[in-house]
Protein backbone atom coordinates (compact mmCIF):
# COMPACT_ATOMS: atom_id res chain seq x y z
CA MET A 1 -7.12 2.99 10.17
CA LEU A 2 -8.20 6.60 11.50
CA VAL A 3 -8.50 8.99 8.87
CA HIS A 4 -8.22 12.70 10.08
CA PRO A 5 -9.64 15.61 7.93
CA TRP A 6 -6.54 17.06 7.51
CA ASP A 7 -4.91 13.60 6.30
CA ALA A 8 -7.43 12.27 4.15
CA ALA A 9 -6.69 11.77 0.08
CA LEU A 10 -7.80 15.51 -1.58
CA ASP A 11 -9.61 12.52 -4.42
CA GLU A 12 -9.76 9.49 -5.21
CA SER A 13 -7.13 10.32 -8.07
CA GLU A 14 -4.31 11.06 -5.25
CA TRP A 15 -4.13 7.41 -3.71
CA GLN A 16 -4.55 5.88 -7.30
CA THR A 17 -1.51 8.04 -8.85
CA TRP A 18 0.25 6.99 -5.34
CA ILE A 19 -0.26 3.34 -5.89
CA ALA A 20 0.10 3.68 -9.50
CA ASP A 21 3.81 4.86 -8.75
CA GLY A 22 5.26 2.08 -7.58
CA HIS A 23 3.67 1.35 -4.41
CA ASP A 24 2.26 -2.45 -5.23
CA PHE A 25 3.73 -4.43 -2.53
CA GLY A 26 1.43 -4.66 0.69
CA GLN A 27 0.33 -7.44 3.57
CA LEU A 28 -2.59 -9.22 2.84
CA SER A 29 -4.79 -9.69 6.53
CA VAL A 30 -7.15 -12.04 6.48
CA ASN A 31 -9.74 -13.03 9.40
CA GLY A 32 -8.36 -16.13 11.47
CA LEU A 33 -10.31 -19.43 12.09
CA PRO A 34 -12.27 -19.25 15.32
CA GLY A 35 -9.75 -19.09 18.29
CA ARG A 36 -6.73 -18.16 16.23
CA PRO A 37 -5.46 -14.55 15.30
CA PRO A 38 -5.73 -13.10 11.69
CA ALA A 39 -2.92 -14.22 9.23
CA VAL A 40 -1.21 -11.32 7.41
CA VAL A 41 0.46 -12.19 4.47
CA PRO A 42 3.59 -10.00 2.81
CA THR A 43 2.55 -10.09 -0.92
CA HIS A 44 3.13 -8.09 -3.95
CA PHE A 45 -0.37 -7.17 -6.41
CA SER A 46 -1.06 -5.92 -9.73
CA CYS A 47 -4.48 -4.28 -10.49
CA ASP A 48 -6.86 -5.65 -13.24
CA GLY A 49 -9.13 -3.08 -13.64
CA PRO A 50 -11.09 -2.62 -10.22
CA ASP A 51 -9.61 -5.74 -8.64
CA LEU A 52 -6.48 -7.02 -7.54
CA LEU A 53 -4.45 -9.72 -8.14
CA VAL A 54 -1.96 -12.04 -5.79
CA HIS A 55 -0.96 -15.24 -6.04
CA LEU A 56 0.22 -16.98 -3.14
CA ALA A 57 1.91 -20.30 -2.59
CA ARG A 58 -0.52 -23.95 -1.97
CA PRO A 59 1.17 -24.35 1.22
CA ASN A 60 0.02 -20.92 2.47
CA PRO A 61 -1.90 -21.32 5.80
CA VAL A 62 -4.54 -18.33 4.74
CA TRP A 63 -6.09 -20.59 2.05
CA GLU A 64 -8.66 -22.27 4.98
CA ALA A 65 -9.66 -19.01 6.10
CA ILE A 66 -10.05 -17.43 3.42
CA GLU A 67 -12.49 -19.84 2.13
CA ARG A 68 -14.37 -19.51 5.47
CA ASP A 69 -14.26 -16.00 5.62
CA PRO A 70 -13.66 -14.00 1.81
CA CYS A 71 -13.57 -10.54 3.70
CA VAL A 72 -9.98 -9.48 3.43
CA ILE A 73 -8.18 -6.04 4.30
CA LEU A 74 -5.05 -5.33 1.85
CA THR A 75 -2.81 -2.45 3.23
CA VAL A 76 -0.07 -0.72 1.25
CA ILE A 77 2.15 1.60 2.91
CA GLY A 78 4.71 3.69 2.27
CA ASP A 79 6.93 7.03 1.73
CA HIS A 80 7.30 7.02 5.91
CA ALA A 81 9.78 8.77 7.97
CA PHE A 82 10.15 9.64 11.95
CA VAL A 83 9.84 13.06 13.07
CA PRO A 84 11.84 14.16 16.22
CA GLY A 85 9.56 16.46 18.59
CA PRO A 86 11.76 19.41 18.10
CA TRP A 87 10.71 20.33 15.00
CA ARG A 88 7.52 20.09 15.72
CA ALA A 89 8.09 22.77 18.20
CA PRO A 90 5.59 25.63 17.82
CA ALA A 91 6.86 28.97 17.04
CA GLY A 92 8.26 30.79 20.48
CA THR A 93 8.40 27.72 22.47
CA PRO A 94 11.12 25.42 23.48
CA PRO A 95 12.26 22.90 21.26
CA LEU A 96 12.15 20.22 23.64
CA ASP A 97 8.48 20.64 24.06
CA GLY A 98 8.06 19.96 20.37
CA VAL A 99 5.81 16.10 20.07
CA PRO A 100 7.59 13.67 17.40
CA THR A 101 5.07 11.98 15.12
CA SER A 102 5.60 9.30 12.47
CA TYR A 103 4.70 10.59 8.78
CA TYR A 104 3.54 8.29 6.16
CA ALA A 105 0.93 7.38 2.90
CA ALA A 106 -1.02 4.05 3.44
CA VAL A 107 -4.02 2.52 1.15
CA GLN A 108 -6.14 0.05 2.88
CA PHE A 109 -8.46 -1.98 0.50
CA THR A 110 -11.27 -3.72 1.73
CA CYS A 111 -11.67 -6.68 -0.48
CA ARG A 112 -13.84 -10.10 -1.27
CA ALA A 113 -11.54 -12.70 -2.45
CA GLY A 114 -12.36 -15.29 -4.87
CA VAL A 115 -9.67 -17.73 -5.32
CA VAL A 116 -8.37 -18.92 -8.68
CA ASP A 117 -7.81 -22.64 -8.78
CA ASP A 118 -8.08 -23.20 -12.27
CA PRO A 119 -4.75 -24.50 -14.56
CA GLU A 120 -5.65 -21.43 -17.12
CA ALA A 121 -7.07 -19.13 -15.44
CA LYS A 122 -3.85 -19.33 -13.08
CA ALA A 123 -2.28 -18.62 -16.02
CA GLU A 124 -4.21 -15.81 -17.33
CA LEU A 125 -3.20 -14.37 -13.77
CA LEU A 126 0.71 -14.19 -13.99
CA ARG A 127 0.08 -13.48 -17.00
CA ARG A 128 -1.88 -10.17 -16.45
CA GLN A 129 0.84 -9.82 -13.27
CA LEU A 130 4.29 -10.35 -15.82
CA ALA A 131 2.79 -7.42 -17.87
CA HIS A 132 2.88 -5.31 -14.79
CA PHE A 133 5.96 -6.17 -13.55
CA GLN A 134 7.84 -6.95 -16.46
CA PRO A 135 6.58 -5.27 -19.23
CA ASP A 136 9.20 -5.75 -21.45
CA GLY A 137 7.70 -9.27 -21.97
CA ASP A 138 11.55 -11.04 -21.04
CA HIS A 139 10.01 -13.92 -19.59
CA ALA A 140 9.47 -17.08 -20.42
CA ALA A 141 5.35 -17.44 -21.79
CA VAL A 142 3.10 -18.55 -19.36
CA ALA A 143 1.26 -21.79 -20.75
CA VAL A 144 -0.52 -24.65 -18.68
CA ASP A 145 1.46 -27.45 -21.55
CA ARG A 146 4.60 -26.17 -21.18
CA PRO A 147 7.67 -25.33 -19.15
CA PRO A 148 8.89 -23.59 -16.83
CA TYR A 149 5.37 -22.18 -16.00
CA GLY A 150 3.35 -25.61 -16.64
CA ARG A 151 4.20 -27.66 -13.90
CA MET A 152 4.59 -24.92 -11.31
CA LEU A 153 0.97 -23.65 -11.83
CA SER A 154 -0.24 -26.64 -9.26
CA GLY A 155 2.05 -24.92 -6.22
CA ILE A 156 0.52 -21.89 -6.26
CA ARG A 157 -2.97 -20.80 -5.82
CA GLY A 158 -4.18 -17.18 -6.88
CA LEU A 159 -6.57 -14.60 -5.74
CA ARG A 160 -9.08 -12.02 -7.12
CA LEU A 161 -9.65 -9.17 -4.84
CA GLU A 162 -12.74 -7.96 -5.86
CA VAL A 163 -12.22 -3.74 -4.02
CA THR A 164 -15.38 -2.90 -1.80
CA ALA A 165 -14.21 0.38 0.04
CA VAL A 166 -10.72 2.49 -0.16
CA ARG A 167 -9.25 4.00 3.06
CA ALA A 168 -6.54 6.47 1.90
CA LYS A 169 -4.25 8.55 4.71
CA PHE A 170 -1.36 10.87 4.09
CA LYS A 171 -0.04 11.93 7.10
CA TYR A 172 2.30 14.84 6.64
CA ASP A 173 0.34 17.28 8.89
CA ASP A 174 -1.45 19.45 6.62
CA HIS A 175 -3.07 20.91 9.61
CA LYS A 176 -0.16 22.50 10.50
CA PRO A 177 1.57 26.33 9.11
CA VAL A 178 2.46 26.17 5.72
CA GLU A 179 5.91 27.41 6.99
CA HIS A 180 6.16 24.72 9.36
CA ARG A 181 5.42 21.45 6.97
CA THR A 182 8.20 23.68 4.42
CA ALA A 183 10.78 23.36 7.40
CA VAL A 184 9.84 19.67 8.42
CA ALA A 185 10.45 18.50 4.13
CA ASP A 186 13.27 20.69 4.58
CA ARG A 187 15.31 18.85 7.24
CA LEU A 188 13.75 15.72 6.10
CA THR A 189 15.63 16.50 2.65
CA ALA A 190 18.89 17.14 4.66
CA ARG A 191 18.34 14.29 6.95
CA GLY A 192 18.04 11.76 3.99
CA GLU A 193 18.31 8.78 5.82
CA GLY A 194 15.33 5.69 4.68
CA LEU A 195 12.73 7.22 3.20
CA ASP A 196 13.08 10.85 4.16
CA VAL A 197 13.28 12.44 0.97
CA PRO A 198 9.86 10.68 -0.72
CA THR A 199 8.25 11.51 2.58
CA ALA A 200 9.57 15.29 1.90
CA HIS A 201 7.94 14.80 -1.87
CA GLN A 202 4.89 13.86 -0.59
CA GLN A 203 4.36 16.35 1.75
CA ARG A 204 5.53 18.88 -0.97
CA ARG A 205 3.18 17.64 -3.09
CA ARG A 206 0.40 17.69 -0.54
CA LEU A 207 0.96 21.83 0.38
CA ASP A 208 1.29 22.28 -3.21
CA ARG A 209 -2.17 21.25 -3.95
CA MET A 210 -3.45 22.03 -1.07
CA GLY A 211 -2.25 25.63 -0.18
CA PRO A 212 -2.35 26.69 3.42
CA TRP A 213 -4.40 24.45 6.21
CA LYS A 214 -7.23 27.13 7.12
CA ARG A 215 -8.38 26.38 10.62
């Protein structure tokens, strides 16, 4: 993922806060077996200290590839919108000369994957994930000897992803003048389609933190 200086996270807390703010669904990319393309699996994940936790169905075709090469990437993308060309035309130029672009936030975790197969370890992984996704505790106990989870544990395998590197990108035209970025955020809010409003929020948040871009 190409990250220009103006697209980079301002500090580690920026991407950490963004992930913690409900961005817990991504794509797990696994190196393919020889002669095969990479495998990409959409999945929820949760954080456990510095590690990421995932569980997948045992029939999932990625296991052989992970065991052969445990280096994987988990990519999270959100707060994205298409920005039409006329919105980006420089001041004093015809609107049709503007070049469109995409705004988005993305975080890529490079990880070393450890497979979790022990029944009690899988139960603990599920307990930690449920503590994140259902913090009110409105679920049955996850125990190897009790239904409903006990009999289902054999059908899944867990992954503990040890994060070895993080690349974060917040692509919101931060190399453009403040007036331009403010106008685009206003237009996104007014259009209000898809993720326009959260995209505008990210642009305004970056404006507040960064101030005018100094070329």
